[in-house]
């Protein structure tokens, strides 16, 4: 039952060890079965006794075999049948175990999409990095990097640095109308971690939860990993259709919304819808999670106040991030938590990553308190308004009324819709080969009523270059349209 190959690069002792181990785990050798002595096996294989001794020593050390004085060597009795059977199921060729949990499959599918990897024209989430005040930021980071002390190097408060939370609260009260204290602010590694933490705190397996349709793809990932049941609620020009949500699932545990700037269609939730949503949450004992991801950038009016500021029943969890105002790799965001949930959030935070890192919190505290942050937001608001106007004008000039522009009033992206017969995913794949990063609108949908189009980012593209890239986009669309028409004209074979 044991064979060795002297020409194999694997050492002889390892070949013998692997062969015995495999036979034991595959139950070809049962617990209690005697195996040959080292002298006998070495003679049968025609090799030195030394590699056999080495293999047996390793098998004994790992508990696969045991040596009994005066009796011989046996497969260990303590290897229970159930353990062996389970190992065979996990490793057997006829019954392979799944590589990952089923809830991870959607995350894996999204990992390789080109629009998630590319940087450049129309890439969503890219900013005007060339206008960031690097000198001031670098000086502040250096200042705090030199102030090394035990408290800055040790585990810290899971809620975050107190002075940074004070700076965040001061900003939220004046700029977003958020009503909370610094003790209610938890510092997180961006809004994605905030969404994940919130879903873990609020939701159990199979908990029904409202999401916007269309909505943020990576929110779906976080909720799916929590095992909850997604209830897609349609969005119109007033934001989430609360009446439709109540009809679909009145007793949903929570509603995840982007009321100031709906992602991706850009609608602002009307005042009546906001009050209706708060009334539903209070009456159903449900929660509202407000993702306020880029509300600083609004071009045709003042920024819209937060939904949380209207909440008198403490049913809103408010999420914000510095990824859009500063830069994504900063990985700093925040959650304003109702007092009744603070202990739960803290417990989940401790179980996930204990506490946020110290250095960037300290630097950003000074960045905000010394006025750099407010000046940067004002400057980039003007800059992004210019780039947004350039994109809208270029699209209108190149496409006329053939394609509809949606949600261009705020943020750093807009939506360009396509005729239903065209596939935005296929076109996005083709555009990636040309260095254009078009995020398909269809990926934002869960249900069957899917609109085709693109989510176009404009934050990183200069206004003077916008027309050039839109013309490149037009060439790609025309090429794909011709291919579509030619495919339709091809005769089908008769049976």
Protein backbone atom coordinates (compact mmCIF):
# COMPACT_ATOMS: atom_id res chain seq x y z
CA UNK A 1 0.00 0.00 0.00
CA UNK A 2 3.02 2.25 0.35
CA UNK A 3 5.28 3.16 -2.57
CA UNK A 4 8.15 5.58 -2.94
CA UNK A 5 9.67 7.22 -6.01
CA UNK A 6 13.37 7.93 -5.79
CA UNK A 7 13.11 10.28 -8.76
CA UNK A 8 10.55 12.47 -7.04
CA UNK A 9 11.78 15.80 -5.67
CA UNK A 10 9.75 15.17 -2.50
CA UNK A 11 11.95 13.57 0.24
CA UNK A 12 11.39 9.87 0.99
CA UNK A 13 10.21 10.49 4.55
CA UNK A 14 7.62 12.95 3.26
CA UNK A 15 6.36 10.49 0.64
CA UNK A 16 5.87 7.84 3.34
CA UNK A 17 4.22 10.33 5.71
CA UNK A 18 1.81 11.61 3.01
CA UNK A 19 0.86 8.07 1.97
CA UNK A 20 0.02 6.91 5.50
CA UNK A 21 -1.81 10.12 6.35
CA UNK A 22 -3.95 9.90 3.20
CA UNK A 23 -4.89 6.27 3.88
CA UNK A 24 -5.85 7.08 7.46
CA UNK A 25 -7.98 10.09 6.51
CA UNK A 26 -9.63 8.18 3.65
CA UNK A 27 -10.37 5.34 6.12
CA UNK A 28 -8.38 2.80 4.18
CA UNK A 29 -6.62 2.30 7.52
CA UNK A 30 -9.10 2.21 10.41
CA UNK A 31 -8.42 3.24 14.02
CA UNK A 32 -6.69 0.37 15.80
CA UNK A 33 -5.21 -1.19 12.65
CA UNK A 34 -1.59 -2.25 12.99
CA UNK A 35 0.98 -0.94 10.49
CA UNK A 36 4.36 -2.48 9.63
CA UNK A 37 7.36 -1.89 11.84
CA UNK A 38 9.95 0.57 10.60
CA UNK A 39 12.44 -2.25 9.94
CA UNK A 40 9.87 -4.31 7.96
CA UNK A 41 8.67 -1.35 5.86
CA UNK A 42 12.21 -0.22 5.09
CA UNK A 43 13.04 -3.74 3.89
CA UNK A 44 9.92 -3.94 1.71
CA UNK A 45 10.66 -0.55 0.11
CA UNK A 46 14.36 -1.26 -0.27
CA UNK A 47 15.42 1.94 1.44
CA UNK A 48 17.26 2.99 4.56
CA UNK A 49 15.37 2.79 7.85
CA UNK A 50 16.10 6.50 8.57
CA UNK A 51 13.35 8.06 6.34
CA UNK A 52 10.82 5.53 7.68
CA UNK A 53 11.73 6.48 11.26
CA UNK A 54 11.32 10.17 10.34
CA UNK A 55 7.88 9.61 8.78
CA UNK A 56 6.64 7.53 11.75
CA UNK A 57 7.93 10.12 14.22
CA UNK A 58 5.93 12.86 12.43
CA UNK A 59 2.76 10.71 12.30
CA UNK A 60 3.09 9.95 16.03
CA UNK A 61 3.68 13.64 16.84
CA UNK A 62 0.51 14.63 14.93
CA UNK A 63 -1.55 11.88 16.55
CA UNK A 64 -2.24 9.70 13.52
CA UNK A 65 -0.44 6.61 14.85
CA UNK A 66 0.72 5.38 18.24
CA UNK A 67 3.47 3.02 19.35
CA UNK A 68 2.72 0.36 21.97
CA UNK A 69 5.68 -1.16 23.78
CA UNK A 70 6.08 -4.84 22.95
CA UNK A 71 3.04 -4.82 20.59
CA UNK A 72 3.86 -2.64 17.58
CA UNK A 73 2.56 0.49 15.87
CA UNK A 74 -1.17 1.15 15.33
CA UNK A 75 -3.51 3.76 13.88
CA UNK A 76 -4.58 5.89 16.84
CA UNK A 77 -7.86 4.84 18.49
CA UNK A 78 -8.76 8.45 19.35
CA UNK A 79 -9.31 9.31 15.69
CA UNK A 80 -13.08 9.26 15.88
CA UNK A 81 -15.10 8.01 12.89
CA UNK A 82 -17.05 11.27 12.71
CA UNK A 83 -13.87 13.33 12.41
CA UNK A 84 -12.52 11.13 9.64
CA UNK A 85 -15.85 11.18 7.80
CA UNK A 86 -16.07 14.96 7.96
CA UNK A 87 -12.51 15.36 6.68
CA UNK A 88 -13.28 13.04 3.76
CA UNK A 89 -16.39 15.06 2.86
CA UNK A 90 -14.42 18.30 2.88
CA UNK A 91 -11.60 16.92 0.75
CA UNK A 92 -13.20 14.18 -1.34
CA UNK A 93 -13.18 14.68 -5.11
CA UNK A 94 -16.77 13.48 -5.44
CA UNK A 95 -18.19 15.85 -2.87
CA UNK A 96 -16.15 19.07 -2.78
CA UNK A 97 -17.04 21.63 -0.14
CA UNK A 98 -17.89 25.14 -1.33
CA UNK A 99 -14.92 27.48 -1.29
CA UNK A 100 -16.86 30.29 0.39
CA UNK A 101 -20.20 30.91 2.00
CA UNK A 102 -22.98 31.58 -0.47
CA UNK A 103 -23.42 35.11 0.92
CA UNK A 104 -19.94 35.99 -0.38
CA UNK A 105 -20.66 35.02 -3.97
CA UNK A 106 -21.98 38.44 -5.04
CA UNK A 107 -18.92 40.14 -3.57
CA UNK A 108 -16.67 37.78 -5.54
CA UNK A 109 -18.55 38.42 -8.77
CA UNK A 110 -18.14 42.19 -8.43
CA UNK A 111 -14.42 41.99 -7.64
CA UNK A 112 -13.18 41.70 -11.22
CA UNK A 113 -15.35 44.28 -12.98
CA UNK A 114 -13.18 46.81 -14.88
CA UNK A 115 -15.14 49.88 -13.74
CA UNK A 116 -14.17 49.02 -10.15
CA UNK A 117 -10.46 49.01 -10.96
CA UNK A 118 -9.89 51.79 -13.46
CA UNK A 119 -8.92 55.36 -12.70
CA UNK A 120 -9.39 58.15 -15.19
CA UNK A 121 -12.19 59.51 -17.34
CA UNK A 122 -15.67 58.93 -15.85
CA UNK A 123 -14.42 56.77 -12.97
CA UNK A 124 -16.82 57.05 -10.03
CA UNK A 125 -15.33 58.14 -6.71
CA UNK A 126 -12.23 59.82 -8.18
CA UNK A 127 -11.46 63.32 -6.90
CA UNK A 128 -9.48 66.40 -7.89
CA UNK A 129 -6.37 65.25 -6.08
CA UNK A 130 -4.25 67.92 -7.75
CA UNK A 131 -6.20 70.57 -5.80
CA UNK A 132 -5.73 69.01 -2.37
CA UNK A 133 -3.67 71.15 0.09
CA UNK A 134 -0.87 68.60 0.41
CA UNK A 135 1.58 70.98 2.08
CA UNK A 136 -0.74 71.87 4.95
CA UNK A 137 -1.84 68.25 5.38
CA UNK A 138 1.74 66.96 5.31
CA UNK A 139 2.81 69.48 7.94
CA UNK A 140 -0.02 68.44 10.26
CA UNK A 141 0.65 64.71 9.83
CA UNK A 142 4.36 65.30 10.48
CA UNK A 143 3.57 67.37 13.57
CA UNK A 144 1.57 64.56 15.13
CA UNK A 145 3.93 61.82 13.97
CA UNK A 146 6.64 63.53 16.03
CA UNK A 147 4.44 63.77 19.12
CA UNK A 148 4.90 60.15 20.07
CA UNK A 149 3.49 59.18 23.46
CA UNK A 150 2.13 56.06 25.10
CA UNK A 151 -1.50 57.08 24.64
CA UNK A 152 -1.05 57.56 20.89
CA UNK A 153 0.56 54.13 20.50
CA UNK A 154 -1.74 52.09 22.74
CA UNK A 155 -5.26 50.73 22.18
CA UNK A 156 -7.65 53.65 22.32
CA UNK A 157 -11.33 54.40 22.77
CA UNK A 158 -13.36 52.26 20.31
CA UNK A 159 -15.47 55.35 19.61
CA UNK A 160 -12.47 57.36 18.42
CA UNK A 161 -10.22 60.22 19.47
CA UNK A 162 -12.22 62.66 21.68
CA UNK A 163 -10.84 65.85 20.07
CA UNK A 164 -11.58 64.52 16.59
CA UNK A 165 -15.14 63.64 17.54
CA UNK A 166 -15.59 67.18 18.91
CA UNK A 167 -14.38 68.60 15.58
CA UNK A 168 -16.77 66.32 13.65
CA UNK A 169 -19.74 67.33 15.80
CA UNK A 170 -18.98 71.02 15.36
CA UNK A 171 -18.92 70.52 11.59
CA UNK A 172 -22.10 68.41 11.46
CA UNK A 173 -24.10 70.86 13.54
CA UNK A 174 -23.26 73.86 11.39
CA UNK A 175 -23.02 72.26 7.91
CA UNK A 176 -25.50 69.37 8.05
CA UNK A 177 -27.95 70.25 10.82
CA UNK A 178 -27.20 67.01 12.68
CA UNK A 179 -28.33 66.95 16.31
CA UNK A 180 -25.96 64.93 18.49
CA UNK A 181 -23.15 65.10 21.05
CA UNK A 182 -19.51 64.08 20.63
CA UNK A 183 -20.22 61.05 22.84
CA UNK A 184 -22.57 59.76 20.13
CA UNK A 185 -19.96 59.88 17.35
CA UNK A 186 -18.10 56.70 16.41
CA UNK A 187 -15.09 57.08 14.11
CA UNK A 188 -14.92 54.37 11.43
CA UNK A 189 -12.79 53.41 8.44
CA UNK A 190 -15.05 55.05 5.88
CA UNK A 191 -18.76 54.72 5.22
CA UNK A 192 -18.48 51.11 4.06
CA UNK A 193 -17.37 49.99 7.52
CA UNK A 194 -20.13 52.12 8.98
CA UNK A 195 -22.72 50.31 6.84
CA UNK A 196 -21.28 46.94 7.82
CA UNK A 197 -21.21 47.75 11.55
CA UNK A 198 -24.73 49.14 11.42
CA UNK A 199 -26.10 46.05 9.67
CA UNK A 200 -24.45 43.82 12.30
CA UNK A 201 -25.96 45.84 15.14
CA UNK A 202 -29.49 46.20 13.76
CA UNK A 203 -30.14 43.06 11.75
CA UNK A 204 -30.46 39.35 12.35
CA UNK A 205 -30.58 36.57 9.79
CA UNK A 206 -33.68 36.94 7.58
CA UNK A 207 -34.51 40.39 8.99
CA UNK A 208 -36.41 42.32 6.27
CA UNK A 209 -34.75 45.61 5.35
CA UNK A 210 -35.66 48.32 2.87
CA UNK A 211 -33.07 49.34 0.29
CA UNK A 212 -33.38 51.88 -2.50
CA UNK A 213 -34.08 50.56 -5.99
CA UNK A 214 -31.78 51.41 -7.70
CA UNK A 215 -29.22 51.77 -4.93
CA UNK A 216 -25.64 51.41 -3.76
CA UNK A 217 -24.17 48.07 -4.81
CA UNK A 218 -21.74 47.75 -1.90
CA UNK A 219 -24.51 48.36 0.63
CA UNK A 220 -26.15 45.23 -0.78
CA UNK A 221 -22.91 43.34 -0.17
CA UNK A 222 -22.79 44.38 3.49
CA UNK A 223 -26.44 43.50 4.04
CA UNK A 224 -26.16 40.18 2.23
CA UNK A 225 -23.25 39.19 4.46
CA UNK A 226 -25.48 39.91 7.45
CA UNK A 227 -27.96 37.38 6.10
CA UNK A 228 -30.92 39.75 6.06
CA UNK A 229 -33.74 39.81 3.50
CA UNK A 230 -33.53 42.69 1.02
CA UNK A 231 -36.74 44.54 0.15
CA UNK A 232 -36.04 46.79 -2.89
CA UNK A 233 -38.22 49.92 -2.66
CA UNK A 234 -38.57 52.04 -5.82
CA UNK A 235 -37.13 55.54 -6.04
CA UNK A 236 -38.69 58.44 -7.93
CA UNK A 237 -38.03 62.18 -8.19
CA UNK A 238 -38.94 62.62 -4.49
CA UNK A 239 -36.60 59.88 -3.32
CA UNK A 240 -37.60 56.62 -1.66
CA UNK A 241 -41.30 55.81 -2.19
CA UNK A 242 -42.27 55.27 1.45
CA UNK A 243 -45.84 54.24 0.62
CA UNK A 244 -44.53 51.54 -1.72
CA UNK A 245 -42.15 50.34 1.01
CA UNK A 246 -45.00 50.06 3.51
CA UNK A 247 -47.03 48.08 1.00
CA UNK A 248 -44.09 45.76 0.27
CA UNK A 249 -43.07 45.20 3.91
CA UNK A 250 -44.52 47.37 6.66
CA UNK A 251 -42.54 45.70 9.44
CA UNK A 252 -39.06 46.00 7.94
CA UNK A 253 -36.37 46.19 10.61
CA UNK A 254 -34.60 49.13 8.95
CA UNK A 255 -34.49 51.38 5.89
CA UNK A 256 -31.17 52.34 4.30
CA UNK A 257 -31.52 55.64 2.44
CA UNK A 258 -29.51 58.43 0.79
CA UNK A 259 -31.99 61.31 1.22
CA UNK A 260 -29.74 64.29 0.46
CA UNK A 261 -28.41 62.88 -2.81
CA UNK A 262 -29.90 59.54 -3.80
CA UNK A 263 -27.36 57.11 -5.17
CA UNK A 264 -27.21 56.78 -8.11
CA UNK A 265 -30.12 58.80 -9.57
CA UNK A 266 -29.41 61.99 -7.60
CA UNK A 267 -32.92 62.75 -6.28
CA UNK A 268 -33.38 64.74 -3.09
CA UNK A 269 -35.98 63.27 -0.75
CA UNK A 270 -38.85 65.71 -0.39
CA UNK A 271 -39.91 67.08 2.99
CA UNK A 272 -43.19 65.14 2.90
CA UNK A 273 -41.36 61.88 2.18
CA UNK A 274 -38.90 62.56 5.02
CA UNK A 275 -41.69 63.11 7.53
CA UNK A 276 -43.51 60.04 6.21
CA UNK A 277 -40.38 57.93 6.60
CA UNK A 278 -39.81 59.14 10.17
CA UNK A 279 -43.46 58.45 11.02
CA UNK A 280 -43.14 54.91 9.64
CA UNK A 281 -39.98 54.25 11.65
CA UNK A 282 -41.58 55.48 14.86
CA UNK A 283 -44.81 53.54 14.35
CA UNK A 284 -43.07 50.31 13.31
CA UNK A 285 -40.26 50.53 15.87
CA UNK A 286 -37.84 50.41 12.94
CA UNK A 287 -34.56 52.17 12.20
CA UNK A 288 -33.48 54.55 9.46
CA UNK A 289 -29.87 54.52 8.29
CA UNK A 290 -28.99 57.79 6.54
CA UNK A 291 -25.94 57.54 4.27
CA UNK A 292 -24.88 61.16 3.67
CA UNK A 293 -21.93 60.32 1.44
CA UNK A 294 -21.38 63.51 -0.63
CA UNK A 295 -23.93 66.11 0.47
CA UNK A 296 -21.30 68.87 0.63
CA UNK A 297 -21.44 69.25 -3.15
CA UNK A 298 -24.64 70.83 -4.38
CA UNK A 299 -24.62 73.25 -7.32
CA UNK A 300 -28.06 74.76 -7.82
CA UNK A 301 -28.96 75.44 -4.17
CA UNK A 302 -27.51 75.33 -0.68
CA UNK A 303 -26.67 71.85 0.71
CA UNK A 304 -29.77 70.03 1.95
CA UNK A 305 -30.05 69.56 5.73
CA UNK A 306 -29.84 66.03 7.05
CA UNK A 307 -32.83 63.80 7.70
CA UNK A 308 -31.37 63.11 11.15
CA UNK A 309 -31.91 66.74 12.09
CA UNK A 310 -35.68 66.23 11.76
CA UNK A 311 -35.70 63.10 13.90
CA UNK A 312 -37.36 63.58 17.30
CA UNK A 313 -37.73 59.89 18.09
CA UNK A 314 -34.04 58.90 17.90
CA UNK A 315 -34.66 56.41 15.08
CA UNK A 316 -31.97 57.64 12.64
CA UNK A 317 -28.38 56.40 12.45
CA UNK A 318 -26.39 59.00 10.49
CA UNK A 319 -23.33 58.02 8.41
CA UNK A 320 -20.78 60.35 6.83
CA UNK A 321 -17.32 60.09 5.30
CA UNK A 322 -14.25 62.14 4.36
CA UNK A 323 -13.58 59.95 1.30
CA UNK A 324 -15.37 62.40 -1.01
CA UNK A 325 -14.22 65.67 0.54
CA UNK A 326 -10.57 64.72 1.14
CA UNK A 327 -9.37 61.41 -0.33
CA UNK A 328 -10.54 57.76 -0.13
CA UNK A 329 -7.35 56.18 1.23
CA UNK A 330 -7.68 58.36 4.34
CA UNK A 331 -10.27 55.78 5.51
CA UNK A 332 -12.00 58.06 7.98
CA UNK A 333 -15.74 58.31 8.42
CA UNK A 334 -18.19 58.62 11.29
CA UNK A 335 -21.51 57.39 12.61
CA UNK A 336 -23.88 59.50 14.73
CA UNK A 337 -25.54 56.88 16.94
CA UNK A 338 -28.76 57.18 18.97
CA UNK A 339 -27.96 56.92 22.68
CA UNK A 340 -29.98 53.71 23.05
CA UNK A 341 -27.65 51.91 20.61
CA UNK A 342 -24.27 53.12 21.87
CA UNK A 343 -23.47 50.02 23.92
CA UNK A 344 -24.34 47.71 21.03
CA UNK A 345 -22.22 49.63 18.53
CA UNK A 346 -19.29 49.68 20.94
CA UNK A 347 -19.51 45.93 21.51
CA UNK A 348 -19.58 45.17 17.79
CA UNK A 349 -16.71 47.58 17.17
CA UNK A 350 -14.57 45.87 19.80
CA UNK A 351 -15.26 42.52 18.16
CA UNK A 352 -14.25 43.73 14.70
CA UNK A 353 -11.16 45.96 14.95
CA UNK A 354 -11.03 47.28 18.55
CA UNK A 355 -10.44 50.96 17.72
CA UNK A 356 -9.58 53.36 14.87
CA UNK A 357 -5.93 54.39 14.30
CA UNK A 358 -4.69 57.50 16.06
CA UNK A 359 -2.47 59.50 13.67
CA UNK A 360 -4.88 60.62 10.96
CA UNK A 361 -7.59 61.42 13.51
CA UNK A 362 -5.21 63.77 15.30
CA UNK A 363 -4.05 65.41 12.07
CA UNK A 364 -7.58 65.83 10.72
CA UNK A 365 -8.70 67.39 14.00
CA UNK A 366 -6.22 70.22 13.45
CA UNK A 367 -7.01 70.30 9.73
CA UNK A 368 -10.64 71.04 10.59
CA UNK A 369 -10.07 73.30 13.60
CA UNK A 370 -7.54 75.48 11.75
CA UNK A 371 -9.93 76.07 8.83
CA UNK A 372 -8.22 74.04 6.11
CA UNK A 373 -11.15 71.65 5.70
CA UNK A 374 -13.80 74.34 5.21
CA UNK A 375 -11.63 76.20 2.70
CA UNK A 376 -10.94 73.02 0.76
CA UNK A 377 -14.67 72.16 0.55
CA UNK A 378 -15.53 75.66 -0.68
CA UNK A 379 -12.78 75.54 -3.29
CA UNK A 380 -13.66 72.09 -4.60
CA UNK A 381 -17.38 72.90 -4.67
CA UNK A 382 -16.62 75.58 -7.26
CA UNK A 383 -14.23 73.27 -9.11
CA UNK A 384 -16.67 70.35 -9.32
CA UNK A 385 -19.47 72.68 -10.41
CA UNK A 386 -17.28 73.75 -13.33
CA UNK A 387 -16.46 70.15 -14.26
CA UNK A 388 -20.07 69.07 -13.94
CA UNK A 389 -21.21 71.89 -16.25
CA UNK A 390 -18.54 70.97 -18.78
CA UNK A 391 -19.71 67.35 -18.79
CA UNK A 392 -23.39 68.26 -19.18
CA UNK A 393 -22.65 70.68 -22.03
CA UNK A 394 -20.44 68.14 -23.82
CA UNK A 395 -23.09 65.41 -23.56
CA UNK A 396 -25.81 67.72 -24.84
CA UNK A 397 -23.64 68.82 -27.74
CA UNK A 398 -22.55 65.31 -28.74
CA UNK A 399 -25.82 63.43 -28.16
CA UNK A 400 -28.52 66.09 -28.28
CA UNK A 401 -31.79 64.74 -26.89
CA UNK A 402 -31.01 61.11 -27.76
CA UNK A 403 -29.77 60.32 -24.26
CA UNK A 404 -31.20 61.59 -20.95
CA UNK A 405 -29.07 63.13 -18.21
CA UNK A 406 -30.30 62.34 -14.67
CA UNK A 407 -29.18 63.70 -11.31
CA UNK A 408 -26.69 66.38 -12.31
CA UNK A 409 -27.66 68.83 -9.56
CA UNK A 410 -25.30 67.53 -6.88
CA UNK A 411 -22.42 65.23 -6.04
CA UNK A 412 -19.57 64.12 -8.28
CA UNK A 413 -21.43 61.88 -10.69
CA UNK A 414 -24.44 61.95 -12.98
CA UNK A 415 -26.42 59.28 -14.79
CA UNK A 416 -26.66 58.96 -18.58
CA UNK A 417 -29.46 56.63 -19.66
CA UNK A 418 -29.44 54.33 -22.70
CA UNK A 419 -32.17 52.80 -24.87
CA UNK A 420 -33.47 49.58 -23.27
CA UNK A 421 -32.20 47.45 -26.17
CA UNK A 422 -28.56 48.25 -25.36
CA UNK A 423 -26.54 46.50 -22.65
CA UNK A 424 -24.65 48.91 -20.39
CA UNK A 425 -22.46 46.09 -19.03
CA UNK A 426 -21.29 45.04 -22.48
CA UNK A 427 -20.59 48.64 -23.47
CA UNK A 428 -18.72 49.26 -20.21
CA UNK A 429 -16.50 46.25 -20.93
CA UNK A 430 -15.79 47.61 -24.39
CA UNK A 431 -15.15 51.13 -23.07
CA UNK A 432 -12.63 49.83 -20.52
CA UNK A 433 -10.45 48.69 -23.42
CA UNK A 434 -10.45 52.33 -24.56
CA UNK A 435 -9.54 53.69 -21.13
CA UNK A 436 -13.07 54.91 -20.30
CA UNK A 437 -14.47 53.77 -16.95
CA UNK A 438 -18.25 53.58 -17.25
CA UNK A 439 -20.08 52.21 -14.23
CA UNK A 440 -23.20 50.37 -15.54
CA UNK A 441 -26.44 51.70 -14.10
CA UNK A 442 -27.96 48.20 -14.24
CA UNK A 443 -25.63 47.02 -11.44
CA UNK A 444 -27.53 49.30 -9.04
CA UNK A 445 -30.75 47.28 -9.49
CA UNK A 446 -31.94 44.16 -7.70
CA UNK A 447 -35.33 43.59 -9.37
CA UNK A 448 -36.40 43.01 -12.95
CA UNK A 449 -37.27 46.60 -13.95
CA UNK A 450 -33.68 47.50 -14.79
CA UNK A 451 -32.71 50.69 -16.60
CA UNK A 452 -29.68 50.71 -18.87
CA UNK A 453 -27.20 53.55 -18.61
CA UNK A 454 -23.98 54.75 -17.02
CA UNK A 455 -22.99 56.37 -13.75
CA UNK A 456 -20.39 58.89 -14.91
CA UNK A 457 -17.95 60.41 -12.43
CA UNK A 458 -16.46 63.80 -13.24
CA UNK A 459 -14.43 64.67 -10.14
CA UNK A 460 -10.99 63.81 -11.52
CA UNK A 461 -11.39 65.09 -15.10
CA UNK A 462 -10.47 68.69 -15.92
CA UNK A 463 -13.19 70.79 -17.52
CA UNK A 464 -10.95 71.47 -20.53
CA UNK A 465 -10.61 67.71 -21.18
CA UNK A 466 -14.26 66.80 -20.75
CA UNK A 467 -15.37 67.30 -24.36
CA UNK A 468 -12.55 65.10 -25.64
CA UNK A 469 -13.58 62.20 -23.39
CA UNK A 470 -17.27 62.59 -24.26
CA UNK A 471 -16.36 62.33 -27.95
CA UNK A 472 -14.46 59.13 -27.17
CA UNK A 473 -17.55 57.89 -25.37
CA UNK A 474 -19.70 58.72 -28.39
CA UNK A 475 -17.42 56.66 -30.66
CA UNK A 476 -17.72 53.65 -28.36
CA UNK A 477 -21.51 53.95 -28.22
CA UNK A 478 -21.83 54.30 -31.99
CA UNK A 479 -19.64 51.25 -32.54
CA UNK A 480 -21.70 49.20 -30.09
CA UNK A 481 -24.94 50.44 -31.67
CA UNK A 482 -23.80 49.40 -35.16
CA UNK A 483 -22.87 45.97 -33.85
CA UNK A 484 -26.28 45.68 -32.24
CA UNK A 485 -28.06 46.63 -35.47
CA UNK A 486 -25.99 44.20 -37.54
CA UNK A 487 -26.75 41.39 -35.10
CA UNK A 488 -30.47 42.08 -35.42
CA UNK A 489 -30.28 41.98 -39.25
CA UNK A 490 -28.56 38.57 -39.37
CA UNK A 491 -30.98 35.90 -40.64
CA UNK A 492 -31.82 33.07 -38.28
CA UNK A 493 -31.36 29.49 -39.45
CA UNK A 494 -34.56 27.55 -40.07
CA UNK A 495 -34.87 24.16 -38.46
